[in-house]
């Protein structure tokens, strides 16, 4: 696709977003779409932040991700917000629709998740442990829960609303298992994003209730397998129940802390299971 076609896809997806999501707190004129080459993504993102989100600082880790692996990134401002897009002509129109809807969902959630307040502004971004060491466990749980939640809900709604394709679980099971194998104490940074994506894939399947309430296995699971399955199902059912509420994007401190604890429990049981299975030496 040409840049003109991608920009047109962004405009069409934004119009779809505003039409299909309730009480959208922004207009088409409030969202700025900017393109950059991969090597210039971080520089351009910082320029956009200076103009639209002056209180946001892109650190070195985020800058590295912008120049290596990120297709697009939402920069949420109080008035106007921006989406910085990596210039990639090889993606299909459907892939771009999903990417744009995902980023618009980040902006939407940030503006609606706490009645006009951004969760991170109220509870912190997960970096306070560097300033207050005694907050390490609590802050880590909040940070994990919020990261998993924001990526999960953006993935989920992008696939449901923009893709138009819902699979039966067996068709995506291998990919989901690959993602779950990336969730462990050995791959800490990758764990949250891989877990969020895996959960979104699972919960957007047509046969989701069969996954959430599976029959007993013909042969008993090993203790490690059972603990791991129970921890995963606890996360999935918690997220599924949230999706059944009238406004799933509305969150509270208690919800995020609970989700963070469930994710950390799964990461721990999954680490043991994968290690004993020989995945990590």
C-alpha atoms as a PDB file:
ATOM      1  CA  UNK A   1       0.000   0.000   0.000  1.00  0.00           C
ATOM      2  CA  UNK A   2       1.141   3.545  -0.705  1.00  0.00           C
ATOM      3  CA  UNK A   3       1.357   6.095   2.069  1.00  0.00           C
ATOM      4  CA  UNK A   4      -1.722   7.806   0.618  1.00  0.00           C
ATOM      5  CA  UNK A   5      -3.638   4.502   0.821  1.00  0.00           C
ATOM      6  CA  UNK A   6      -2.452   3.896   4.389  1.00  0.00           C
ATOM      7  CA  UNK A   7      -3.501   7.400   5.419  1.00  0.00           C
ATOM      8  CA  UNK A   8      -6.913   6.806   3.817  1.00  0.00           C
ATOM      9  CA  UNK A   9      -7.163   3.522   5.749  1.00  0.00           C
ATOM     10  CA  UNK A  10      -6.376   5.412   8.965  1.00  0.00           C
ATOM     11  CA  UNK A  11      -9.131   7.944   8.262  1.00  0.00           C
ATOM     12  CA  UNK A  12     -11.658   5.218   7.434  1.00  0.00           C
ATOM     13  CA  UNK A  13     -10.728   3.271  10.576  1.00  0.00           C
ATOM     14  CA  UNK A  14     -11.043   6.378  12.736  1.00  0.00           C
ATOM     15  CA  UNK A  15     -14.500   7.010  11.294  1.00  0.00           C
ATOM     16  CA  UNK A  16     -15.436   3.379  12.014  1.00  0.00           C
ATOM     17  CA  UNK A  17     -14.110   3.740  15.564  1.00  0.00           C
ATOM     18  CA  UNK A  18     -16.186   6.839  16.259  1.00  0.00           C
ATOM     19  CA  UNK A  19     -19.283   5.177  14.782  1.00  0.00           C
ATOM     20  CA  UNK A  20     -18.981   1.886  16.688  1.00  0.00           C
ATOM     21  CA  UNK A  21     -17.591   2.811  20.104  1.00  0.00           C
ATOM     22  CA  UNK A  22     -19.914   4.573  22.589  1.00  0.00           C
ATOM     23  CA  UNK A  23     -19.329   8.118  23.831  1.00  0.00           C
ATOM     24  CA  UNK A  24     -16.027   8.616  22.027  1.00  0.00           C
ATOM     25  CA  UNK A  25     -14.343  11.604  23.741  1.00  0.00           C
ATOM     26  CA  UNK A  26     -12.590  12.893  20.627  1.00  0.00           C
ATOM     27  CA  UNK A  27     -13.396  13.847  17.044  1.00  0.00           C
ATOM     28  CA  UNK A  28     -11.596  13.015  13.834  1.00  0.00           C
ATOM     29  CA  UNK A  29      -9.903  16.427  14.002  1.00  0.00           C
ATOM     30  CA  UNK A  30      -8.482  15.596  17.443  1.00  0.00           C
ATOM     31  CA  UNK A  31      -6.318  12.712  16.163  1.00  0.00           C
ATOM     32  CA  UNK A  32      -3.094  13.509  14.317  1.00  0.00           C
ATOM     33  CA  UNK A  33      -1.628  10.750  12.119  1.00  0.00           C
ATOM     34  CA  UNK A  34       2.090  11.112  11.407  1.00  0.00           C
ATOM     35  CA  UNK A  35       4.461   8.820   9.481  1.00  0.00           C
ATOM     36  CA  UNK A  36       8.182   8.216   9.930  1.00  0.00           C
ATOM     37  CA  UNK A  37      10.795   5.774   8.715  1.00  0.00           C
ATOM     38  CA  UNK A  38      11.810   3.135  11.242  1.00  0.00           C
ATOM     39  CA  UNK A  39      15.075   4.898  12.089  1.00  0.00           C
ATOM     40  CA  UNK A  40      13.263   8.212  12.659  1.00  0.00           C
ATOM     41  CA  UNK A  41      10.335   6.899  14.742  1.00  0.00           C
ATOM     42  CA  UNK A  42      11.754   7.901  18.133  1.00  0.00           C
ATOM     43  CA  UNK A  43      12.867  11.354  16.978  1.00  0.00           C
ATOM     44  CA  UNK A  44       9.487  12.109  15.412  1.00  0.00           C
ATOM     45  CA  UNK A  45       7.610  10.702  18.426  1.00  0.00           C
ATOM     46  CA  UNK A  46       9.535  13.026  20.739  1.00  0.00           C
ATOM     47  CA  UNK A  47       8.723  15.978  18.470  1.00  0.00           C
ATOM     48  CA  UNK A  48       5.024  15.072  18.566  1.00  0.00           C
ATOM     49  CA  UNK A  49       5.128  14.716  22.347  1.00  0.00           C
ATOM     50  CA  UNK A  50       6.673  18.166  22.675  1.00  0.00           C
ATOM     51  CA  UNK A  51       3.781  19.584  20.640  1.00  0.00           C
ATOM     52  CA  UNK A  52       0.786  17.559  21.870  1.00  0.00           C
ATOM     53  CA  UNK A  53       1.828  15.685  25.046  1.00  0.00           C
ATOM     54  CA  UNK A  54       4.426  17.892  26.762  1.00  0.00           C
ATOM     55  CA  UNK A  55       4.318  15.933  30.027  1.00  0.00           C
ATOM     56  CA  UNK A  56       5.240  12.628  28.323  1.00  0.00           C
ATOM     57  CA  UNK A  57       8.889  11.566  28.243  1.00  0.00           C
ATOM     58  CA  UNK A  58      10.020   8.810  25.863  1.00  0.00           C
ATOM     59  CA  UNK A  59      12.837   7.004  27.645  1.00  0.00           C
ATOM     60  CA  UNK A  60      15.705   5.097  26.018  1.00  0.00           C
ATOM     61  CA  UNK A  61      13.916   1.741  26.254  1.00  0.00           C
ATOM     62  CA  UNK A  62      10.802   3.114  24.533  1.00  0.00           C
ATOM     63  CA  UNK A  63      12.954   4.834  21.916  1.00  0.00           C
ATOM     64  CA  UNK A  64      14.674   1.537  21.145  1.00  0.00           C
ATOM     65  CA  UNK A  65      11.320  -0.221  20.682  1.00  0.00           C
ATOM     66  CA  UNK A  66      10.087   2.565  18.414  1.00  0.00           C
ATOM     67  CA  UNK A  67      13.071   2.135  16.107  1.00  0.00           C
ATOM     68  CA  UNK A  68      13.057  -1.670  16.077  1.00  0.00           C
ATOM     69  CA  UNK A  69       9.645  -3.293  16.454  1.00  0.00           C
ATOM     70  CA  UNK A  70       6.692  -0.901  16.772  1.00  0.00           C
ATOM     71  CA  UNK A  71       4.318  -0.472  13.820  1.00  0.00           C
ATOM     72  CA  UNK A  72       2.447   2.437  15.403  1.00  0.00           C
ATOM     73  CA  UNK A  73       2.237   4.143  18.772  1.00  0.00           C
ATOM     74  CA  UNK A  74      -0.451   6.317  20.350  1.00  0.00           C
ATOM     75  CA  UNK A  75       0.625   9.509  22.104  1.00  0.00           C
ATOM     76  CA  UNK A  76      -2.295  10.582  24.286  1.00  0.00           C
ATOM     77  CA  UNK A  77      -2.716  14.296  24.831  1.00  0.00           C
ATOM     78  CA  UNK A  78      -5.214  16.257  26.919  1.00  0.00           C
ATOM     79  CA  UNK A  79      -6.706  17.860  23.815  1.00  0.00           C
ATOM     80  CA  UNK A  80      -5.246  16.492  20.596  1.00  0.00           C
ATOM     81  CA  UNK A  81      -3.527  13.092  20.435  1.00  0.00           C
ATOM     82  CA  UNK A  82      -1.148  11.686  17.853  1.00  0.00           C
ATOM     83  CA  UNK A  83      -0.451   8.281  16.332  1.00  0.00           C
ATOM     84  CA  UNK A  84       3.079   7.875  15.014  1.00  0.00           C
ATOM     85  CA  UNK A  85       3.191   5.268  12.235  1.00  0.00           C
ATOM     86  CA  UNK A  86       6.208   3.369  10.927  1.00  0.00           C
ATOM     87  CA  UNK A  87       6.250   3.685   7.134  1.00  0.00           C
ATOM     88  CA  UNK A  88       5.733   0.056   6.059  1.00  0.00           C
ATOM     89  CA  UNK A  89       4.210  -0.526   2.629  1.00  0.00           C
ATOM     90  CA  UNK A  90       4.141  -4.347   2.917  1.00  0.00           C
ATOM     91  CA  UNK A  91       1.194  -4.644   5.331  1.00  0.00           C
ATOM     92  CA  UNK A  92      -2.285  -5.397   4.015  1.00  0.00           C
ATOM     93  CA  UNK A  93      -5.284  -3.126   4.399  1.00  0.00           C
ATOM     94  CA  UNK A  94      -6.796  -5.415   7.036  1.00  0.00           C
ATOM     95  CA  UNK A  95      -3.548  -5.418   9.016  1.00  0.00           C
ATOM     96  CA  UNK A  96      -3.488  -1.619   8.950  1.00  0.00           C
ATOM     97  CA  UNK A  97      -7.138  -1.421  10.059  1.00  0.00           C
ATOM     98  CA  UNK A  98      -6.366  -3.593  13.069  1.00  0.00           C
ATOM     99  CA  UNK A  99      -3.236  -1.550  13.896  1.00  0.00           C
ATOM    100  CA  UNK A 100      -5.067   1.776  13.705  1.00  0.00           C
ATOM    101  CA  UNK A 101      -8.093   0.581  15.681  1.00  0.00           C
ATOM    102  CA  UNK A 102      -5.686  -0.742  18.327  1.00  0.00           C
ATOM    103  CA  UNK A 103      -4.003   2.650  18.698  1.00  0.00           C
ATOM    104  CA  UNK A 104      -7.303   4.544  18.751  1.00  0.00           C
ATOM    105  CA  UNK A 105      -8.430   2.153  21.493  1.00  0.00           C
ATOM    106  CA  UNK A 106      -5.404   3.169  23.588  1.00  0.00           C
ATOM    107  CA  UNK A 107      -6.425   6.822  23.272  1.00  0.00           C
ATOM    108  CA  UNK A 108     -10.064   6.018  24.008  1.00  0.00           C
ATOM    109  CA  UNK A 109      -9.246   3.979  27.120  1.00  0.00           C
ATOM    110  CA  UNK A 110      -6.826   6.558  28.479  1.00  0.00           C
ATOM    111  CA  UNK A 111      -9.569   9.182  28.243  1.00  0.00           C
ATOM    112  CA  UNK A 112     -12.472   7.059  29.535  1.00  0.00           C
ATOM    113  CA  UNK A 113     -11.003   4.474  31.913  1.00  0.00           C
ATOM    114  CA  UNK A 114     -11.423   6.637  35.030  1.00  0.00           C
ATOM    115  CA  UNK A 115     -13.992   9.325  34.154  1.00  0.00           C
ATOM    116  CA  UNK A 116     -11.541  11.659  32.485  1.00  0.00           C
ATOM    117  CA  UNK A 117      -8.489  10.665  34.527  1.00  0.00           C
ATOM    118  CA  UNK A 118      -5.689   8.553  33.096  1.00  0.00           C
ATOM    119  CA  UNK A 119      -4.927   5.607  35.393  1.00  0.00           C
ATOM    120  CA  UNK A 120      -1.179   6.161  35.097  1.00  0.00           C
ATOM    121  CA  UNK A 121      -1.546   9.809  36.151  1.00  0.00           C
ATOM    122  CA  UNK A 122      -3.337   8.732  39.336  1.00  0.00           C
ATOM    123  CA  UNK A 123      -1.515   5.538  40.317  1.00  0.00           C
ATOM    124  CA  UNK A 124       1.867   5.864  38.636  1.00  0.00           C
ATOM    125  CA  UNK A 125       3.531   4.130  35.735  1.00  0.00           C
ATOM    126  CA  UNK A 126       5.359   1.452  37.673  1.00  0.00           C
ATOM    127  CA  UNK A 127       8.565   3.421  38.191  1.00  0.00           C
ATOM    128  CA  UNK A 128       7.927   4.602  41.744  1.00  0.00           C
ATOM    129  CA  UNK A 129       9.742   1.556  43.121  1.00  0.00           C
ATOM    130  CA  UNK A 130      12.975   3.315  42.131  1.00  0.00           C
ATOM    131  CA  UNK A 131      12.007   6.201  44.401  1.00  0.00           C
ATOM    132  CA  UNK A 132      10.233   4.296  47.191  1.00  0.00           C
ATOM    133  CA  UNK A 133      11.736   0.782  47.539  1.00  0.00           C
ATOM    134  CA  UNK A 134       9.075  -0.420  49.991  1.00  0.00           C
ATOM    135  CA  UNK A 135       6.472  -0.017  47.222  1.00  0.00           C
ATOM    136  CA  UNK A 136       8.228  -2.542  44.968  1.00  0.00           C
ATOM    137  CA  UNK A 137       5.797  -5.463  45.291  1.00  0.00           C
ATOM    138  CA  UNK A 138       2.646  -3.342  45.173  1.00  0.00           C
ATOM    139  CA  UNK A 139       3.878  -1.129  42.382  1.00  0.00           C
ATOM    140  CA  UNK A 140       5.091  -4.087  40.326  1.00  0.00           C
ATOM    141  CA  UNK A 141       1.660  -5.702  40.558  1.00  0.00           C
ATOM    142  CA  UNK A 142      -0.115  -2.507  39.517  1.00  0.00           C
ATOM    143  CA  UNK A 143       2.316  -1.966  36.648  1.00  0.00           C
ATOM    144  CA  UNK A 144       1.956  -5.548  35.403  1.00  0.00           C
ATOM    145  CA  UNK A 145      -1.828  -5.447  35.644  1.00  0.00           C
ATOM    146  CA  UNK A 146      -2.131  -2.136  33.837  1.00  0.00           C
ATOM    147  CA  UNK A 147       0.229  -3.091  31.016  1.00  0.00           C
ATOM    148  CA  UNK A 148      -1.524  -6.436  30.450  1.00  0.00           C
ATOM    149  CA  UNK A 149      -4.944  -4.778  30.583  1.00  0.00           C
ATOM    150  CA  UNK A 150      -4.232  -1.926  28.169  1.00  0.00           C
ATOM    151  CA  UNK A 151      -2.644  -4.196  25.578  1.00  0.00           C
ATOM    152  CA  UNK A 152      -5.314  -6.864  26.010  1.00  0.00           C
ATOM    153  CA  UNK A 153      -8.310  -4.569  25.552  1.00  0.00           C
ATOM    154  CA  UNK A 154      -6.725  -2.793  22.580  1.00  0.00           C
ATOM    155  CA  UNK A 155      -5.929  -6.147  20.902  1.00  0.00           C
ATOM    156  CA  UNK A 156      -9.362  -7.560  21.692  1.00  0.00           C
ATOM    157  CA  UNK A 157     -11.437  -4.674  20.345  1.00  0.00           C
ATOM    158  CA  UNK A 158      -9.224  -4.248  17.283  1.00  0.00           C
ATOM    159  CA  UNK A 159      -9.825  -7.863  16.294  1.00  0.00           C
ATOM    160  CA  UNK A 160     -13.527  -7.817  17.145  1.00  0.00           C
ATOM    161  CA  UNK A 161     -14.319  -4.489  15.491  1.00  0.00           C
ATOM    162  CA  UNK A 162     -11.748  -4.017  12.725  1.00  0.00           C
ATOM    163  CA  UNK A 163     -10.802  -7.489  11.565  1.00  0.00           C
ATOM    164  CA  UNK A 164     -14.220  -9.051  11.083  1.00  0.00           C
ATOM    165  CA  UNK A 165     -12.707 -12.514  11.462  1.00  0.00           C
ATOM    166  CA  UNK A 166     -13.397 -14.687  14.508  1.00  0.00           C
ATOM    167  CA  UNK A 167     -11.714 -18.080  14.615  1.00  0.00           C
ATOM    168  CA  UNK A 168     -12.465 -21.371  16.283  1.00  0.00           C
ATOM    169  CA  UNK A 169      -9.752 -21.928  18.881  1.00  0.00           C
ATOM    170  CA  UNK A 170      -8.066 -24.951  17.175  1.00  0.00           C
ATOM    171  CA  UNK A 171      -7.085 -22.672  14.280  1.00  0.00           C
ATOM    172  CA  UNK A 172      -5.103 -20.331  16.528  1.00  0.00           C
ATOM    173  CA  UNK A 173      -4.051 -22.769  19.269  1.00  0.00           C
ATOM    174  CA  UNK A 174      -0.486 -23.249  18.017  1.00  0.00           C
ATOM    175  CA  UNK A 175       0.137 -19.512  17.839  1.00  0.00           C
ATOM    176  CA  UNK A 176      -1.433 -18.928  21.259  1.00  0.00           C
ATOM    177  CA  UNK A 177       0.773 -21.650  22.761  1.00  0.00           C
ATOM    178  CA  UNK A 178       3.829 -19.981  21.204  1.00  0.00           C
ATOM    179  CA  UNK A 179       2.843 -16.700  22.837  1.00  0.00           C
ATOM    180  CA  UNK A 180       2.285 -18.371  26.211  1.00  0.00           C
ATOM    181  CA  UNK A 181       5.728 -19.978  25.994  1.00  0.00           C
ATOM    182  CA  UNK A 182       7.107 -16.426  26.013  1.00  0.00           C
ATOM    183  CA  UNK A 183       5.561 -15.754  29.434  1.00  0.00           C
ATOM    184  CA  UNK A 184       8.105 -16.553  32.115  1.00  0.00           C
ATOM    185  CA  UNK A 185      10.576 -15.031  34.535  1.00  0.00           C
ATOM    186  CA  UNK A 186      13.220 -15.698  31.869  1.00  0.00           C
ATOM    187  CA  UNK A 187      11.568 -13.292  29.419  1.00  0.00           C
ATOM    188  CA  UNK A 188      10.177 -10.679  31.774  1.00  0.00           C
ATOM    189  CA  UNK A 189       9.702  -7.723  29.421  1.00  0.00           C
ATOM    190  CA  UNK A 190       8.262  -9.860  26.641  1.00  0.00           C
ATOM    191  CA  UNK A 191       5.941 -11.685  29.030  1.00  0.00           C
ATOM    192  CA  UNK A 192       3.312  -8.964  29.477  1.00  0.00           C
ATOM    193  CA  UNK A 193       2.758  -8.183  25.800  1.00  0.00           C
ATOM    194  CA  UNK A 194       2.769 -11.850  24.769  1.00  0.00           C
ATOM    195  CA  UNK A 195       0.300 -12.730  27.527  1.00  0.00           C
ATOM    196  CA  UNK A 196      -2.040  -9.863  26.624  1.00  0.00           C
ATOM    197  CA  UNK A 197      -2.044 -10.913  22.984  1.00  0.00           C
ATOM    198  CA  UNK A 198      -2.624 -14.581  23.844  1.00  0.00           C
ATOM    199  CA  UNK A 199      -5.597 -13.701  26.055  1.00  0.00           C
ATOM    200  CA  UNK A 200      -7.078 -11.461  23.350  1.00  0.00           C
ATOM    201  CA  UNK A 201      -6.772 -14.232  20.771  1.00  0.00           C
ATOM    202  CA  UNK A 202      -8.425 -16.754  23.095  1.00  0.00           C
ATOM    203  CA  UNK A 203     -11.280 -14.537  24.244  1.00  0.00           C
ATOM    204  CA  UNK A 204     -12.117 -13.400  20.710  1.00  0.00           C
ATOM    205  CA  UNK A 205     -12.608 -16.997  19.544  1.00  0.00           C
ATOM    206  CA  UNK A 206     -16.104 -18.132  18.638  1.00  0.00           C
ATOM    207  CA  UNK A 207     -15.866 -21.127  20.977  1.00  0.00           C
ATOM    208  CA  UNK A 208     -14.564 -19.132  23.935  1.00  0.00           C
ATOM    209  CA  UNK A 209     -16.870 -20.676  26.563  1.00  0.00           C
ATOM    210  CA  UNK A 210     -15.621 -24.168  25.687  1.00  0.00           C
ATOM    211  CA  UNK A 211     -12.095 -22.920  26.345  1.00  0.00           C
ATOM    212  CA  UNK A 212     -12.989 -21.281  29.653  1.00  0.00           C
ATOM    213  CA  UNK A 213     -14.848 -24.338  30.971  1.00  0.00           C
ATOM    214  CA  UNK A 214     -13.122 -27.350  29.409  1.00  0.00           C
ATOM    215  CA  UNK A 215     -14.055 -30.955  30.207  1.00  0.00           C
ATOM    216  CA  UNK A 216     -11.798 -32.910  32.537  1.00  0.00           C
ATOM    217  CA  UNK A 217      -8.795 -34.394  30.693  1.00  0.00           C
ATOM    218  CA  UNK A 218      -8.919 -38.089  29.874  1.00  0.00           C
ATOM    219  CA  UNK A 219      -5.637 -38.539  31.730  1.00  0.00           C
ATOM    220  CA  UNK A 220      -4.935 -36.549  34.916  1.00  0.00           C
ATOM    221  CA  UNK A 221      -2.624 -33.579  34.516  1.00  0.00           C
ATOM    222  CA  UNK A 222       0.675 -33.519  36.350  1.00  0.00           C
ATOM    223  CA  UNK A 223       0.734 -31.159  39.356  1.00  0.00           C
ATOM    224  CA  UNK A 224       2.705 -28.590  37.326  1.00  0.00           C
ATOM    225  CA  UNK A 225       0.249 -28.788  34.436  1.00  0.00           C
ATOM    226  CA  UNK A 226      -2.761 -28.428  36.714  1.00  0.00           C
ATOM    227  CA  UNK A 227      -1.363 -25.412  38.556  1.00  0.00           C
ATOM    228  CA  UNK A 228      -0.468 -23.824  35.215  1.00  0.00           C
ATOM    229  CA  UNK A 229      -3.882 -24.442  33.633  1.00  0.00           C
ATOM    230  CA  UNK A 230      -5.695 -23.223  36.744  1.00  0.00           C
ATOM    231  CA  UNK A 231      -3.639 -20.009  36.814  1.00  0.00           C
ATOM    232  CA  UNK A 232      -4.295 -19.347  33.112  1.00  0.00           C
ATOM    233  CA  UNK A 233      -8.018 -20.042  33.416  1.00  0.00           C
ATOM    234  CA  UNK A 234      -8.212 -17.740  36.435  1.00  0.00           C
ATOM    235  CA  UNK A 235      -6.813 -14.891  34.304  1.00  0.00           C
ATOM    236  CA  UNK A 236      -9.002 -15.679  31.304  1.00  0.00           C
ATOM    237  CA  UNK A 237     -12.223 -15.939  33.306  1.00  0.00           C
ATOM    238  CA  UNK A 238     -11.420 -12.690  35.122  1.00  0.00           C
ATOM    239  CA  UNK A 239     -10.934 -10.875  31.811  1.00  0.00           C
ATOM    240  CA  UNK A 240     -13.965 -12.541  30.239  1.00  0.00           C
ATOM    241  CA  UNK A 241     -16.194 -11.436  33.119  1.00  0.00           C
ATOM    242  CA  UNK A 242     -14.901  -7.886  32.686  1.00  0.00           C
ATOM    243  CA  UNK A 243     -15.801  -7.963  28.999  1.00  0.00           C
ATOM    244  CA  UNK A 244     -19.396  -8.828  29.900  1.00  0.00           C
ATOM    245  CA  UNK A 245     -19.856  -5.556  31.822  1.00  0.00           C
ATOM    246  CA  UNK A 246     -21.609  -2.546  30.283  1.00  0.00           C
ATOM    247  CA  UNK A 247     -18.405  -0.487  29.967  1.00  0.00           C
ATOM    248  CA  UNK A 248     -15.465  -2.928  30.009  1.00  0.00           C
ATOM    249  CA  UNK A 249     -12.892  -0.150  29.539  1.00  0.00           C
ATOM    250  CA  UNK A 250     -13.786   1.367  32.919  1.00  0.00           C
ATOM    251  CA  UNK A 251     -11.185   0.241  35.466  1.00  0.00           C
ATOM    252  CA  UNK A 252     -10.330   0.681  39.127  1.00  0.00           C
ATOM    253  CA  UNK A 253      -7.238   0.279  41.240  1.00  0.00           C
ATOM    254  CA  UNK A 254      -8.634  -2.954  42.690  1.00  0.00           C
ATOM    255  CA  UNK A 255      -9.332  -4.453  39.272  1.00  0.00           C
ATOM    256  CA  UNK A 256      -5.833  -3.671  37.981  1.00  0.00           C
ATOM    257  CA  UNK A 257      -4.148  -4.929  41.152  1.00  0.00           C
ATOM    258  CA  UNK A 258      -6.116  -8.198  41.001  1.00  0.00           C
ATOM    259  CA  UNK A 259      -5.281  -8.708  37.331  1.00  0.00           C
ATOM    260  CA  UNK A 260      -1.621  -7.976  38.034  1.00  0.00           C
ATOM    261  CA  UNK A 261      -1.583 -10.587  40.795  1.00  0.00           C
ATOM    262  CA  UNK A 262      -3.223 -13.190  38.564  1.00  0.00           C
ATOM    263  CA  UNK A 263      -0.751 -12.489  35.770  1.00  0.00           C
ATOM    264  CA  UNK A 264       2.226 -12.766  38.116  1.00  0.00           C
ATOM    265  CA  UNK A 265       0.874 -16.078  39.436  1.00  0.00           C
ATOM    266  CA  UNK A 266       0.529 -17.438  35.892  1.00  0.00           C
ATOM    267  CA  UNK A 267       4.016 -16.239  34.990  1.00  0.00           C
ATOM    268  CA  UNK A 268       5.414 -18.083  38.025  1.00  0.00           C
ATOM    269  CA  UNK A 269       3.561 -21.362  37.355  1.00  0.00           C
ATOM    270  CA  UNK A 270       4.337 -21.141  33.647  1.00  0.00           C
ATOM    271  CA  UNK A 271       8.030 -20.630  34.382  1.00  0.00           C
ATOM    272  CA  UNK A 272       8.118 -23.816  36.474  1.00  0.00           C
ATOM    273  CA  UNK A 273       6.129 -25.750  33.878  1.00  0.00           C
ATOM    274  CA  UNK A 274       8.327 -24.619  30.982  1.00  0.00           C
ATOM    275  CA  UNK A 275      11.545 -25.267  32.896  1.00  0.00           C
ATOM    276  CA  UNK A 276      10.481 -28.789  33.842  1.00  0.00           C
ATOM    277  CA  UNK A 277       9.406 -29.369  30.253  1.00  0.00           C
ATOM    278  CA  UNK A 278      12.927 -28.489  29.128  1.00  0.00           C
ATOM    279  CA  UNK A 279      12.060 -25.242  27.363  1.00  0.00           C
ATOM    280  CA  UNK A 280      14.605 -23.322  29.485  1.00  0.00           C
ATOM    281  CA  UNK A 281      17.539 -25.628  29.917  1.00  0.00           C
END
